[in-house]
Amino acid sequence: MTRLSVEMLAADAPAPITSAGHAQLGIAVLVGIAVIVLLITKFKLHAFLALTIGSLVLGAVAGAPLDKAIVSFTTGLGTTVAGVGVLIALGAILGKLLADSGGADQIVDTILAKAGGRAMPWAMVLIASVIGLPLFFEVGIVLLIPVVLMVAKRGNYSVMRIGIPALAGLSVMHGLIPPHPGPLVAIDAVKANLGVTLALGLLVAVPTVIIAGPLFSKVAARWVDVPAPDRMLPQRASDELERRPGFGATLFTMLLPVVLMLAKALVDIVIDDPANSTQRVFDVIGSPLIALLAAVLVGFFTLGRPAGFGRDRLQQTVEKGLMPIAGILLIVGAGGGFKQTLIDSGVGQMILDISKDWSIPALLLAWLIAVAIRLATGSATVATVSAAGLVAPLAADMSTTHAALLVLAIGAGSLFFSHVNDAGFWLVKEYFGLTVGQTVKTWSVMETIISVVSGGLILLLSLVI
């Protein structure tokens, strides 16, 4: 970023709520993040409360009047929830409809019926990647665990040979691909193009998931050679249904929002005329809100009806899909409040002023910041929203593609080395019957591979596009 562009950004930016110098602002950032980390890890406080308190502490240490710090936080919270809250809700509804109707089971069973032997890990990564598009990570794990255990038992596979590809597919989707909450928040923070981010995210995700999934699973299975734990397999949704939707209809519904958003991005590149009627149509149907809403409405007919769902059952599915996301929405919103407090305190401009003389690329800086926060808090979402707030000003002078790559760099860093302060670590440990050491050697290493490989691919892409 040139000195001229930094000066132009400074002229356009609103006046900060504090007159603190760079040293005080730097201390404020460190103290604010330290408070968040301490509250989450030591005192086990919910991330929403930790982010709220950390934002106010940051403002206070930076010398901002408390009333202005509160306004910054609430403004950021409201703007973030307004920007991504509806999308998260629609994604949750679609995921719940997919699970309850048996559509996800249909995808799983169809692919497994055509795979066997050495192809099984590749089938598992394909299943997890497809199912992981509309589902939150934790939901995807619960959905796929019965399949992983069943395949491992019937085929006499190591749990790691089957489980690692499934976990890799889910994790990559969670960290890099919208409409998952983390990528959506980062896109909103840096004002990136969602369609371009989605396209580049898929480009990065494919080689990443291959390396961290089927290929690494060979090594993981040698390191930790454990059979499927002897426990009762959880019941699948379709076991209670007389019928379920077909493979083609389910796949069409799941991929519909992705296709619409990618089509919008393609039309924007080919036509590049905001006044063109065709581009305006695609701008509407390819917007995340319309794309996800269309998928939900189509899903009522392609997933709900074949499963025998009446109006009451569909209503119950929608309600059950929305209930678990309250915590996610609050964390995402508070992360947006923290981001806005950073910006209004002048931290964003401070990073611009300092980094303009650095030789470190902005994408690598974003990745490193996300890694540090991920290691400290254990939350990929907290790492994403915090890092996005810190580096968002760097995107103001970037091209559309590089702004999208900045989002992906943040997402890649947020997945680095999951350990004992991450709920996902314990989820994997308990489901697969592993010790802490075995979980580190498999799950934690897999997450690190995803972060490093995707980060490297993002840096390579930045050199050629």
Protein backbone atom coordinates (compact mmCIF):
# COMPACT_ATOMS: atom_id res chain seq x y z
CA MET A 1 0.00 0.00 0.00
CA THR A 2 1.46 3.34 -1.03
CA ARG A 3 1.90 6.36 1.23
CA LEU A 4 -0.49 8.33 -1.00
CA SER A 5 -3.26 5.75 -0.68
CA VAL A 6 -2.83 5.70 3.10
CA GLU A 7 -3.13 9.48 3.24
CA MET A 8 -6.27 9.33 1.09
CA LEU A 9 -7.81 6.76 3.41
CA ALA A 10 -6.96 8.88 6.42
CA ALA A 11 -8.69 11.88 4.84
CA ASP A 12 -11.86 9.89 4.17
CA ALA A 13 -12.00 8.09 7.52
CA PRO A 14 -14.19 9.44 10.34
CA ALA A 15 -12.44 11.00 13.31
CA PRO A 16 -11.46 8.42 15.93
CA ILE A 17 -13.18 8.46 19.32
CA THR A 18 -9.80 8.81 21.05
CA SER A 19 -6.64 10.84 20.48
CA ALA A 20 -4.33 8.11 21.75
CA GLY A 21 -0.99 7.57 20.04
CA HIS A 22 0.17 4.37 18.40
CA ALA A 23 1.83 3.04 21.56
CA GLN A 24 -1.31 3.46 23.68
CA LEU A 25 -3.50 1.98 20.94
CA GLY A 26 -1.17 -1.00 20.62
CA ILE A 27 -1.35 -1.58 24.37
CA ALA A 28 -5.15 -1.22 24.23
CA VAL A 29 -5.41 -3.91 21.55
CA LEU A 30 -3.19 -6.31 23.49
CA VAL A 31 -5.09 -5.70 26.74
CA GLY A 32 -8.48 -6.04 25.02
CA ILE A 33 -7.55 -9.34 23.35
CA ALA A 34 -5.88 -10.59 26.57
CA VAL A 35 -9.09 -9.91 28.51
CA ILE A 36 -11.14 -11.82 25.92
CA VAL A 37 -8.71 -14.75 25.98
CA LEU A 38 -8.58 -14.83 29.79
CA LEU A 39 -12.36 -14.69 30.19
CA ILE A 40 -12.93 -17.46 27.64
CA THR A 41 -10.12 -19.82 28.67
CA LYS A 42 -9.66 -19.22 32.42
CA PHE A 43 -13.12 -18.21 33.58
CA LYS A 44 -15.07 -20.17 30.92
CA LEU A 45 -17.20 -17.13 30.13
CA HIS A 46 -19.36 -17.26 27.01
CA ALA A 47 -17.60 -15.69 24.03
CA PHE A 48 -20.44 -13.13 23.63
CA LEU A 49 -19.86 -11.74 27.12
CA ALA A 50 -16.09 -11.93 26.75
CA LEU A 51 -16.14 -9.98 23.48
CA THR A 52 -18.49 -7.37 24.98
CA ILE A 53 -16.30 -6.82 28.04
CA GLY A 54 -13.11 -6.92 25.97
CA SER A 55 -14.45 -4.24 23.63
CA LEU A 56 -15.23 -1.89 26.51
CA VAL A 57 -11.84 -2.55 28.11
CA LEU A 58 -10.12 -1.81 24.80
CA GLY A 59 -11.97 1.50 24.50
CA ALA A 60 -11.16 2.44 28.08
CA VAL A 61 -7.43 1.67 27.77
CA ALA A 62 -7.35 3.60 24.48
CA GLY A 63 -8.72 6.62 26.34
CA ALA A 64 -12.11 6.71 24.64
CA PRO A 65 -15.09 8.11 26.58
CA LEU A 66 -17.19 5.21 27.80
CA ASP A 67 -20.37 6.46 26.15
CA LYS A 68 -18.63 6.63 22.74
CA ALA A 69 -17.10 3.17 23.23
CA ILE A 70 -20.58 1.80 23.96
CA VAL A 71 -21.98 3.46 20.83
CA SER A 72 -19.16 1.98 18.73
CA PHE A 73 -19.76 -1.50 20.11
CA THR A 74 -23.54 -1.44 19.68
CA THR A 75 -23.25 0.06 16.20
CA GLY A 76 -20.84 -2.66 15.12
CA LEU A 77 -23.02 -5.35 16.68
CA GLY A 78 -26.14 -4.10 14.92
CA THR A 79 -24.43 -3.66 11.56
CA THR A 80 -22.90 -7.13 11.66
CA VAL A 81 -26.10 -8.90 12.65
CA ALA A 82 -28.00 -6.95 10.00
CA GLY A 83 -25.43 -7.96 7.41
CA VAL A 84 -25.05 -11.66 8.14
CA GLY A 85 -27.71 -12.61 10.70
CA VAL A 86 -30.41 -13.47 8.16
CA LEU A 87 -27.92 -15.48 6.09
CA ILE A 88 -26.88 -17.54 9.12
CA ALA A 89 -30.55 -18.15 9.95
CA LEU A 90 -31.37 -19.27 6.40
CA GLY A 91 -28.34 -21.54 6.35
CA ALA A 92 -29.42 -23.11 9.64
CA ILE A 93 -32.93 -23.76 8.31
CA LEU A 94 -31.59 -25.36 5.14
CA GLY A 95 -29.19 -27.53 7.13
CA LYS A 96 -31.93 -28.70 9.52
CA LEU A 97 -34.27 -29.46 6.61
CA LEU A 98 -31.51 -31.43 4.93
CA ALA A 99 -30.87 -33.48 8.06
CA ASP A 100 -34.47 -34.09 9.19
CA SER A 101 -35.78 -35.06 5.74
CA GLY A 102 -33.14 -37.73 5.30
CA GLY A 103 -31.64 -35.86 2.36
CA ALA A 104 -28.18 -35.89 3.92
CA ASP A 105 -28.47 -39.63 4.55
CA GLN A 106 -29.50 -40.10 0.92
CA ILE A 107 -26.34 -38.32 -0.26
CA VAL A 108 -24.21 -40.42 2.09
CA ASP A 109 -25.76 -43.77 1.18
CA THR A 110 -25.66 -43.10 -2.57
CA ILE A 111 -21.97 -42.20 -2.58
CA LEU A 112 -21.00 -45.04 -0.23
CA ALA A 113 -22.85 -47.53 -2.43
CA LYS A 114 -20.52 -46.64 -5.29
CA ALA A 115 -17.31 -46.58 -3.27
CA GLY A 116 -15.24 -49.25 -1.62
CA GLY A 117 -11.72 -50.26 -0.71
CA ARG A 118 -9.13 -47.58 -1.40
CA ALA A 119 -11.81 -45.23 -2.69
CA MET A 120 -13.59 -45.06 0.67
CA PRO A 121 -11.53 -42.16 2.18
CA TRP A 122 -12.09 -40.18 -1.02
CA ALA A 123 -15.81 -40.92 -0.80
CA MET A 124 -15.85 -39.69 2.80
CA VAL A 125 -14.15 -36.40 1.94
CA LEU A 126 -16.61 -35.91 -0.93
CA ILE A 127 -19.58 -36.58 1.35
CA ALA A 128 -18.30 -34.23 4.06
CA SER A 129 -17.51 -31.45 1.60
CA VAL A 130 -20.94 -31.59 -0.04
CA ILE A 131 -22.82 -31.86 3.26
CA GLY A 132 -20.55 -29.25 4.84
CA LEU A 133 -21.65 -26.55 2.40
CA PRO A 134 -24.94 -25.69 4.17
CA LEU A 135 -24.26 -27.18 7.63
CA PHE A 136 -22.45 -25.77 10.65
CA PHE A 137 -19.36 -27.74 11.66
CA GLU A 138 -20.82 -29.21 14.86
CA VAL A 139 -24.02 -30.28 13.06
CA GLY A 140 -21.98 -31.88 10.31
CA ILE A 141 -19.95 -33.89 12.82
CA VAL A 142 -23.06 -35.21 14.57
CA LEU A 143 -24.56 -36.09 11.18
CA LEU A 144 -21.49 -37.89 9.86
CA ILE A 145 -20.33 -39.72 13.00
CA PRO A 146 -22.77 -42.64 12.49
CA VAL A 147 -21.55 -43.03 8.92
CA VAL A 148 -17.87 -42.91 9.91
CA LEU A 149 -18.33 -45.53 12.66
CA MET A 150 -20.50 -47.74 10.45
CA VAL A 151 -18.03 -47.71 7.55
CA ALA A 152 -15.07 -48.28 9.86
CA LYS A 153 -16.75 -51.28 11.52
CA ARG A 154 -18.10 -52.91 8.36
CA GLY A 155 -14.93 -52.41 6.32
CA ASN A 156 -12.51 -53.05 9.20
CA TYR A 157 -10.89 -49.66 8.64
CA SER A 158 -9.03 -47.58 11.18
CA VAL A 159 -11.29 -44.82 12.44
CA MET A 160 -8.65 -42.29 11.38
CA ARG A 161 -8.57 -43.56 7.79
CA ILE A 162 -12.28 -42.79 7.46
CA GLY A 163 -12.76 -40.05 10.06
CA ILE A 164 -9.93 -37.67 9.07
CA PRO A 165 -11.23 -37.15 5.49
CA ALA A 166 -14.71 -36.45 6.85
CA LEU A 167 -13.39 -33.97 9.43
CA ALA A 168 -11.17 -32.29 6.83
CA GLY A 169 -14.10 -31.76 4.46
CA LEU A 170 -16.22 -30.22 7.19
CA SER A 171 -13.42 -28.02 8.57
CA VAL A 172 -12.38 -26.60 5.20
CA MET A 173 -15.97 -25.69 4.36
CA HIS A 174 -16.38 -24.10 7.80
CA GLY A 175 -13.28 -21.93 7.54
CA LEU A 176 -13.20 -20.90 3.89
CA ILE A 177 -16.60 -21.15 2.25
CA PRO A 178 -19.60 -18.83 2.78
CA PRO A 179 -22.38 -18.96 3.92
CA HIS A 180 -20.61 -20.20 7.07
CA PRO A 181 -20.57 -17.51 9.80
CA GLY A 182 -16.81 -16.87 9.89
CA PRO A 183 -16.31 -16.19 6.17
CA LEU A 184 -19.52 -14.13 6.06
CA VAL A 185 -18.34 -11.86 8.87
CA ALA A 186 -14.92 -11.42 7.25
CA ILE A 187 -16.54 -10.62 3.89
CA ASP A 188 -18.74 -8.03 5.56
CA ALA A 189 -15.80 -6.52 7.49
CA VAL A 190 -13.46 -6.06 4.52
CA LYS A 191 -16.27 -5.31 2.04
CA ALA A 192 -15.25 -8.21 -0.22
CA ASN A 193 -17.34 -9.61 -3.08
CA LEU A 194 -19.09 -12.75 -1.84
CA GLY A 195 -19.26 -14.46 -5.22
CA VAL A 196 -15.56 -13.94 -5.93
CA THR A 197 -14.68 -15.08 -2.41
CA LEU A 198 -16.79 -18.21 -2.88
CA ALA A 199 -15.17 -19.01 -6.23
CA LEU A 200 -11.62 -18.51 -4.95
CA GLY A 201 -12.50 -20.34 -1.73
CA LEU A 202 -13.57 -23.41 -3.70
CA LEU A 203 -10.37 -23.18 -5.74
CA VAL A 204 -8.28 -23.22 -2.56
CA ALA A 205 -10.48 -25.76 -0.78
CA VAL A 206 -10.12 -28.62 -3.29
CA PRO A 207 -6.34 -29.22 -3.06
CA THR A 208 -6.37 -28.37 0.65
CA VAL A 209 -8.99 -30.96 1.52
CA ILE A 210 -7.23 -33.60 -0.59
CA ILE A 211 -3.92 -33.11 1.23
CA ALA A 212 -5.40 -32.79 4.75
CA GLY A 213 -8.04 -35.50 4.16
CA PRO A 214 -7.35 -38.71 2.21
CA LEU A 215 -3.57 -38.19 1.98
CA PHE A 216 -2.94 -37.25 5.62
CA SER A 217 -5.36 -39.95 6.82
CA LYS A 218 -2.81 -42.60 5.69
CA VAL A 219 -0.24 -41.11 8.06
CA ALA A 220 -2.78 -40.50 10.84
CA ALA A 221 -3.97 -44.11 10.68
CA ARG A 222 -0.36 -45.30 11.23
CA TRP A 223 0.17 -42.88 14.10
CA VAL A 224 -3.12 -43.70 15.80
CA ASP A 225 -4.43 -47.10 14.70
CA VAL A 226 -7.67 -47.44 16.62
CA PRO A 227 -10.81 -49.36 15.66
CA ALA A 228 -14.29 -47.90 15.80
CA PRO A 229 -15.28 -47.62 19.48
CA ASP A 230 -17.71 -50.26 20.71
CA ARG A 231 -20.71 -48.11 21.34
CA MET A 232 -24.23 -47.93 20.01
CA LEU A 233 -24.39 -46.00 16.77
CA PRO A 234 -26.55 -42.85 16.97
CA GLN A 235 -29.83 -43.15 15.13
CA ARG A 236 -30.02 -41.46 11.77
CA ALA A 237 -32.92 -39.17 10.86
CA SER A 238 -34.03 -41.30 7.93
CA ASP A 239 -34.34 -44.43 10.08
CA GLU A 240 -37.68 -43.06 11.31
CA LEU A 241 -38.97 -42.05 7.88
CA GLU A 242 -40.97 -44.19 5.48
CA ARG A 243 -39.41 -42.43 2.50
CA ARG A 244 -36.84 -39.75 1.79
CA PRO A 245 -35.90 -37.36 -1.06
CA GLY A 246 -33.94 -38.57 -4.07
CA PHE A 247 -30.22 -38.05 -4.58
CA GLY A 248 -30.60 -35.68 -7.53
CA ALA A 249 -33.20 -33.47 -5.86
CA THR A 250 -31.16 -33.26 -2.66
CA LEU A 251 -27.94 -32.40 -4.46
CA PHE A 252 -29.73 -29.76 -6.55
CA THR A 253 -31.15 -28.10 -3.43
CA MET A 254 -27.82 -28.08 -1.60
CA LEU A 255 -25.89 -26.62 -4.52
CA LEU A 256 -28.53 -24.11 -5.64
CA PRO A 257 -27.28 -21.15 -3.54
CA VAL A 258 -23.68 -21.86 -4.54
CA VAL A 259 -24.60 -21.93 -8.24
CA LEU A 260 -26.61 -18.71 -8.00
CA MET A 261 -23.84 -16.83 -6.19
CA LEU A 262 -21.18 -18.10 -8.58
CA ALA A 263 -23.37 -17.15 -11.57
CA LYS A 264 -23.64 -13.61 -10.23
CA ALA A 265 -19.87 -13.38 -9.85
CA LEU A 266 -19.33 -14.68 -13.39
CA VAL A 267 -21.85 -12.26 -14.92
CA ASP A 268 -20.28 -9.36 -13.00
CA ILE A 269 -16.90 -10.24 -14.52
CA VAL A 270 -18.15 -10.85 -18.09
CA ILE A 271 -20.56 -7.90 -18.43
CA ASP A 272 -19.20 -5.40 -15.87
CA ASP A 273 -21.95 -2.85 -16.51
CA PRO A 274 -24.16 -2.04 -13.49
CA ALA A 275 -26.79 -0.55 -15.82
CA ASN A 276 -27.11 -3.75 -17.87
CA SER A 277 -30.47 -5.45 -17.25
CA THR A 278 -29.01 -8.97 -17.31
CA GLN A 279 -26.39 -8.08 -14.72
CA ARG A 280 -29.01 -6.41 -12.55
CA VAL A 281 -31.14 -9.57 -12.63
CA PHE A 282 -28.19 -11.73 -11.61
CA ASP A 283 -27.22 -9.20 -8.94
CA VAL A 284 -30.60 -9.89 -7.36
CA ILE A 285 -30.92 -13.66 -7.75
CA GLY A 286 -27.23 -14.16 -6.90
CA SER A 287 -27.28 -12.08 -3.74
CA PRO A 288 -26.68 -14.28 -0.67
CA LEU A 289 -30.10 -13.46 0.82
CA ILE A 290 -32.07 -14.42 -2.30
CA ALA A 291 -29.86 -17.42 -3.11
CA LEU A 292 -30.27 -18.95 0.35
CA LEU A 293 -33.95 -18.02 0.57
CA ALA A 294 -34.55 -19.69 -2.79
CA ALA A 295 -32.80 -22.84 -1.59
CA VAL A 296 -34.94 -22.97 1.56
CA LEU A 297 -38.18 -22.49 -0.34
CA VAL A 298 -37.18 -25.04 -2.98
CA GLY A 299 -36.17 -27.40 -0.17
CA PHE A 300 -39.70 -27.37 1.22
CA PHE A 301 -40.77 -29.11 -1.99
CA THR A 302 -37.68 -31.14 -2.96
CA LEU A 303 -36.81 -32.31 0.56
CA GLY A 304 -39.84 -31.82 2.81
CA ARG A 305 -42.60 -33.20 0.59
CA PRO A 306 -40.79 -36.41 -0.47
CA ALA A 307 -40.15 -37.11 3.24
CA GLY A 308 -43.88 -36.71 3.93
CA PHE A 309 -43.59 -33.43 5.83
CA GLY A 310 -46.81 -31.48 6.17
CA ARG A 311 -47.06 -27.80 7.02
CA ASP A 312 -46.81 -28.44 10.77
CA ARG A 313 -43.70 -30.60 10.43
CA LEU A 314 -42.05 -28.04 8.16
CA GLN A 315 -42.80 -25.33 10.71
CA GLN A 316 -41.26 -27.46 13.47
CA THR A 317 -38.15 -28.02 11.34
CA VAL A 318 -37.74 -24.29 10.78
CA GLU A 319 -38.15 -23.56 14.50
CA LYS A 320 -35.69 -26.29 15.52
CA GLY A 321 -33.20 -25.05 12.94
CA LEU A 322 -33.32 -21.51 14.30
CA MET A 323 -33.05 -22.30 18.02
CA PRO A 324 -29.38 -23.44 18.15
CA ILE A 325 -28.03 -20.39 16.31
CA ALA A 326 -28.83 -17.84 19.03
CA GLY A 327 -25.38 -18.24 20.56
CA ILE A 328 -23.68 -18.08 17.16
CA LEU A 329 -25.51 -14.88 16.24
CA LEU A 330 -24.56 -13.25 19.54
CA ILE A 331 -20.89 -14.21 19.17
CA VAL A 332 -20.80 -12.98 15.59
CA GLY A 333 -22.58 -9.75 16.58
CA ALA A 334 -20.26 -9.11 19.51
CA GLY A 335 -17.32 -9.80 17.23
CA GLY A 336 -18.66 -7.09 14.93
CA GLY A 337 -18.91 -4.77 17.93
CA PHE A 338 -15.30 -5.51 18.85
CA LYS A 339 -14.27 -4.83 15.25
CA GLN A 340 -16.05 -1.47 15.21
CA THR A 341 -14.48 -0.46 18.53
CA LEU A 342 -11.08 -1.24 17.04
CA ILE A 343 -11.80 0.89 13.98
CA ASP A 344 -13.38 3.82 15.83
CA SER A 345 -10.52 3.90 18.34
CA GLY A 346 -8.11 4.41 15.47
CA VAL A 347 -6.52 0.95 15.56
CA GLY A 348 -7.26 0.36 11.89
CA GLN A 349 -5.50 3.55 10.88
CA MET A 350 -2.63 2.66 13.21
CA ILE A 351 -2.15 -0.65 11.40
CA LEU A 352 -2.21 1.20 8.07
CA ASP A 353 0.41 3.67 9.26
CA ILE A 354 2.69 0.98 10.66
CA SER A 355 2.30 -1.69 7.96
CA LYS A 356 2.95 0.65 5.02
CA ASP A 357 6.67 0.41 5.77
CA TRP A 358 6.69 -3.34 6.42
CA SER A 359 7.85 -5.86 3.88
CA ILE A 360 5.37 -8.47 5.15
CA PRO A 361 2.43 -9.04 2.76
CA ALA A 362 -1.00 -8.00 4.03
CA LEU A 363 -2.33 -11.54 3.44
CA LEU A 364 0.41 -13.08 5.58
CA LEU A 365 -0.21 -10.47 8.29
CA ALA A 366 -3.93 -11.35 8.31
CA TRP A 367 -3.12 -15.07 8.53
CA LEU A 368 -0.69 -14.57 11.42
CA ILE A 369 -3.13 -12.42 13.40
CA ALA A 370 -5.89 -15.02 12.97
CA VAL A 371 -3.48 -17.80 14.01
CA ALA A 372 -2.53 -15.96 17.20
CA ILE A 373 -6.13 -15.35 18.23
CA ARG A 374 -7.14 -18.92 17.33
CA LEU A 375 -4.35 -20.37 19.49
CA ALA A 376 -5.30 -18.11 22.38
CA THR A 377 -9.10 -18.43 22.33
CA GLY A 378 -9.68 -21.80 20.65
CA SER A 379 -12.55 -20.36 18.61
CA ALA A 380 -12.27 -20.14 14.83
CA THR A 381 -15.21 -17.72 14.75
CA VAL A 382 -13.69 -15.40 17.38
CA ALA A 383 -10.36 -15.52 15.53
CA THR A 384 -12.04 -14.65 12.25
CA VAL A 385 -14.14 -11.73 13.47
CA SER A 386 -11.29 -10.26 15.55
CA ALA A 387 -8.67 -10.57 12.81
CA ALA A 388 -11.09 -9.17 10.23
CA GLY A 389 -11.61 -6.09 12.38
CA LEU A 390 -7.88 -5.56 12.75
CA VAL A 391 -6.93 -5.89 9.08
CA ALA A 392 -10.10 -4.55 7.42
CA PRO A 393 -8.50 -1.15 6.61
CA LEU A 394 -5.85 -2.92 4.54
CA ALA A 395 -8.54 -4.00 2.06
CA ALA A 396 -9.54 -0.45 1.13
CA ASP A 397 -6.80 -0.20 -1.50
CA MET A 398 -7.08 -3.80 -2.73
CA SER A 399 -8.57 -5.18 -5.93
CA THR A 400 -11.73 -7.31 -5.75
CA THR A 401 -9.77 -10.55 -5.98
CA HIS A 402 -7.19 -9.55 -3.37
CA ALA A 403 -9.91 -8.44 -0.94
CA ALA A 404 -11.45 -11.90 -1.37
CA LEU A 405 -8.04 -13.50 -0.76
CA LEU A 406 -7.71 -11.41 2.41
CA VAL A 407 -10.95 -12.98 3.67
CA LEU A 408 -9.63 -16.45 2.85
CA ALA A 409 -6.29 -15.73 4.56
CA ILE A 410 -8.16 -14.82 7.73
CA GLY A 411 -10.27 -17.99 7.47
CA ALA A 412 -7.19 -20.14 6.89
CA GLY A 413 -5.44 -18.71 9.94
CA SER A 414 -8.53 -19.25 12.09
CA LEU A 415 -8.22 -23.04 11.65
CA PHE A 416 -4.63 -23.38 12.89
CA PHE A 417 -3.86 -26.09 15.50
CA SER A 418 -7.04 -26.76 17.42
CA HIS A 419 -6.15 -27.83 20.97
CA VAL A 420 -7.63 -28.18 24.44
CA ASN A 421 -9.31 -24.76 24.51
CA ASP A 422 -11.42 -25.62 21.45
CA ALA A 423 -14.80 -27.33 21.87
CA GLY A 424 -14.26 -29.12 18.55
CA PHE A 425 -11.15 -30.81 19.99
CA TRP A 426 -13.18 -32.47 22.74
CA LEU A 427 -16.03 -33.31 20.37
CA VAL A 428 -13.67 -35.27 18.13
CA LYS A 429 -11.90 -36.89 21.09
CA GLU A 430 -15.09 -38.22 22.66
CA TYR A 431 -16.80 -39.34 19.46
CA PHE A 432 -13.81 -41.33 18.24
CA GLY A 433 -12.76 -42.63 21.66
CA LEU A 434 -9.27 -41.08 21.58
CA THR A 435 -6.87 -39.95 24.27
CA VAL A 436 -5.77 -36.30 24.41
CA GLY A 437 -2.42 -37.22 22.88
CA GLN A 438 -4.05 -39.17 20.05
CA THR A 439 -6.40 -36.28 19.33
CA VAL A 440 -3.46 -33.88 19.07
CA LYS A 441 -1.58 -36.22 16.69
CA THR A 442 -4.61 -36.54 14.40
CA TRP A 443 -7.19 -33.78 14.65
CA SER A 444 -4.85 -30.97 15.75
CA VAL A 445 -2.25 -31.82 13.11
CA MET A 446 -4.97 -32.07 10.45
CA GLU A 447 -6.22 -28.58 11.33
CA THR A 448 -2.68 -27.22 11.10
CA ILE A 449 -2.20 -28.81 7.68
CA ILE A 450 -5.43 -27.20 6.47
CA SER A 451 -4.34 -23.80 7.76
CA VAL A 452 -0.81 -23.92 6.34
CA VAL A 453 -1.70 -25.46 2.96
CA SER A 454 -4.63 -23.13 2.33
CA GLY A 455 -2.58 -20.15 3.52
CA GLY A 456 0.23 -21.06 1.12
CA LEU A 457 -2.19 -21.51 -1.79
CA ILE A 458 -3.75 -18.12 -1.04
CA LEU A 459 -0.34 -16.43 -1.14
CA LEU A 460 0.43 -18.17 -4.44
CA LEU A 461 -2.87 -17.03 -5.93
CA SER A 462 -2.15 -13.46 -4.87
CA LEU A 463 0.95 -13.53 -7.09
CA VAL A 464 -0.88 -14.63 -10.25
CA ILE A 465 -4.27 -12.88 -10.11
